[in-house]
C-alpha atoms as a PDB file:
ATOM      1  CA  MET A   1      17.095 102.040 -22.612  1.00  0.00           C
ATOM      2  CA  PRO A   2      14.367 102.520 -20.184  1.00  0.00           C
ATOM      3  CA  THR A   3      11.993  99.456 -19.481  1.00  0.00           C
ATOM      4  CA  ILE A   4       8.672  99.069 -18.060  1.00  0.00           C
ATOM      5  CA  THR A   5       7.335  95.929 -16.797  1.00  0.00           C
ATOM      6  CA  ILE A   6       3.423  95.163 -17.523  1.00  0.00           C
ATOM      7  CA  ASP A   7       1.986  91.780 -16.569  1.00  0.00           C
ATOM      8  CA  GLY A   8       5.509  90.156 -16.120  1.00  0.00           C
ATOM      9  CA  THR A   9       6.677  91.447 -19.520  1.00  0.00           C
ATOM     10  CA  GLU A  10       9.333  94.048 -19.876  1.00  0.00           C
ATOM     11  CA  TYR A  11       9.036  96.402 -22.796  1.00  0.00           C
ATOM     12  CA  ASP A  12      11.644  98.838 -24.059  1.00  0.00           C
ATOM     13  CA  THR A  13       9.926 102.058 -23.683  1.00  0.00           C
ATOM     14  CA  ASP A  14      11.778 103.463 -26.721  1.00  0.00           C
ATOM     15  CA  GLN A  15      10.250 100.895 -28.944  1.00  0.00           C
ATOM     16  CA  LEU A  16       6.750 101.718 -27.821  1.00  0.00           C
ATOM     17  CA  SER A  17       4.495 103.342 -30.436  1.00  0.00           C
ATOM     18  CA  ASP A  18       3.637 106.899 -29.709  1.00  0.00           C
ATOM     19  CA  ASN A  19       0.053 105.908 -28.783  1.00  0.00           C
ATOM     20  CA  ALA A  20       1.587 103.370 -26.074  1.00  0.00           C
ATOM     21  CA  LYS A  21       3.952 106.108 -24.814  1.00  0.00           C
ATOM     22  CA  ALA A  22       0.989 108.559 -24.426  1.00  0.00           C
ATOM     23  CA  GLN A  23      -0.993 105.931 -22.708  1.00  0.00           C
ATOM     24  CA  LEU A  24       2.040 105.356 -20.271  1.00  0.00           C
ATOM     25  CA  ALA A  25       2.490 108.961 -19.576  1.00  0.00           C
ATOM     26  CA  SER A  26      -1.225 109.178 -18.725  1.00  0.00           C
ATOM     27  CA  LEU A  27      -0.696 106.171 -16.508  1.00  0.00           C
ATOM     28  CA  GLN A  28       2.152 107.561 -14.742  1.00  0.00           C
ATOM     29  CA  ALA A  29       0.257 111.009 -14.469  1.00  0.00           C
ATOM     30  CA  CYS A  30      -2.575 108.982 -12.686  1.00  0.00           C
ATOM     31  CA  GLU A  31      -0.424 107.280 -10.382  1.00  0.00           C
ATOM     32  CA  ASN A  32       1.340 110.570  -9.311  1.00  0.00           C
ATOM     33  CA  LYS A  33      -2.219 112.078  -8.709  1.00  0.00           C
ATOM     34  CA  ILE A  34      -3.224 109.188  -6.547  1.00  0.00           C
ATOM     35  CA  ARG A  35       0.004 109.732  -4.474  1.00  0.00           C
ATOM     36  CA  GLN A  36      -0.908 113.479  -4.034  1.00  0.00           C
ATOM     37  CA  LEU A  37      -4.385 112.665  -2.965  1.00  0.00           C
ATOM     38  CA  GLN A  38      -3.377 110.130  -0.524  1.00  0.00           C
ATOM     39  CA  ILE A  39      -0.919 112.594   0.868  1.00  0.00           C
ATOM     40  CA  ASP A  40      -3.831 115.261   0.941  1.00  0.00           C
ATOM     41  CA  LEU A  41      -6.293 112.822   2.621  1.00  0.00           C
ATOM     42  CA  ALA A  42      -3.786 112.114   5.248  1.00  0.00           C
ATOM     43  CA  ILE A  43      -3.328 115.933   5.834  1.00  0.00           C
ATOM     44  CA  VAL A  44      -7.223 116.659   6.136  1.00  0.00           C
ATOM     45  CA  GLN A  45      -7.695 113.469   8.469  1.00  0.00           C
ATOM     46  CA  THR A  46      -5.063 114.867  10.701  1.00  0.00           C
ATOM     47  CA  ALA A  47      -6.969 118.235  10.548  1.00  0.00           C
ATOM     48  CA  ARG A  48     -10.076 116.669  11.311  1.00  0.00           C
ATOM     49  CA  GLN A  49      -8.764 115.034  14.290  1.00  0.00           C
ATOM     50  CA  ALA A  50      -7.211 118.047  15.663  1.00  0.00           C
ATOM     51  CA  TYR A  51     -10.575 119.946  15.273  1.00  0.00           C
ATOM     52  CA  GLY A  52     -12.253 117.171  16.979  1.00  0.00           C
ATOM     53  CA  LEU A  53      -9.951 117.449  19.860  1.00  0.00           C
ATOM     54  CA  ALA A  54     -10.292 121.399  19.981  1.00  0.00           C
ATOM     55  CA  LEU A  55     -14.006 121.172  19.817  1.00  0.00           C
ATOM     56  CA  LYS A  56     -13.892 118.762  22.798  1.00  0.00           C
ATOM     57  CA  GLY A  57     -11.832 121.133  24.693  1.00  0.00           C
ATOM     58  CA  GLU A  58     -14.663 123.881  24.103  1.00  0.00           C
ATOM     59  CA  LEU A  59     -17.293 121.732  25.154  1.00  0.00           C
ATOM     60  CA  PRO A  60     -18.733 122.473  28.856  1.00  0.00           C
ATOM     61  CA  GLU A  61     -17.775 119.522  31.061  1.00  0.00           C
ATOM     62  CA  GLY A  62     -19.788 117.155  32.683  1.00  0.00           C
ATOM     63  CA  GLU A  63     -22.865 117.744  30.185  1.00  0.00           C
ATOM     64  CA  THR A  64     -23.769 114.636  28.067  1.00  0.00           C
ATOM     65  CA  THR A  65     -26.554 114.986  25.948  1.00  0.00           C
ATOM     66  CA  THR A  66     -27.794 112.835  22.986  1.00  0.00           C
ATOM     67  CA  ALA A  67     -28.557 114.521  19.647  1.00  0.00           C
ATOM     68  CA  ALA A  68     -32.109 114.020  18.214  1.00  0.00           C
ATOM     69  CA  ASN A  69     -30.700 111.479  15.966  1.00  0.00           C
ATOM     70  CA  GLY A  70     -29.218 109.359  18.613  1.00  0.00           C
ATOM     71  CA  GLU A  71     -25.572 110.029  17.992  1.00  0.00           C
ATOM     72  CA  GLU A  72     -23.147 111.809  20.397  1.00  0.00           C
ATOM     73  CA  PRO A  73     -22.740 115.454  19.814  1.00  0.00           C
ATOM     74  CA  GLY A  74     -20.287 115.969  17.251  1.00  0.00           C
ATOM     75  CA  GLU A  75     -20.152 112.563  15.777  1.00  0.00           C
ATOM     76  CA  THR A  76     -20.574 112.510  12.060  1.00  0.00           C
ATOM     77  CA  HIS A  77     -20.899 109.672   9.671  1.00  0.00           C
END
């Protein structure tokens, strides 16, 4: 008998109503999606860092200019 603990109380999932089982399945799907999105975010952040480094490698050396908005070139917010 699989159990789930919610707010410190253990529940036998076999004893849950069909609606409660559906809510549990939706909750688990959300948790899985969040984990996948966290992985995707880490991938994109790593790629962004690599692109930034590659861009710096392509910039002419010794030139420091400030963009019209006062930020360093390539700086984003």
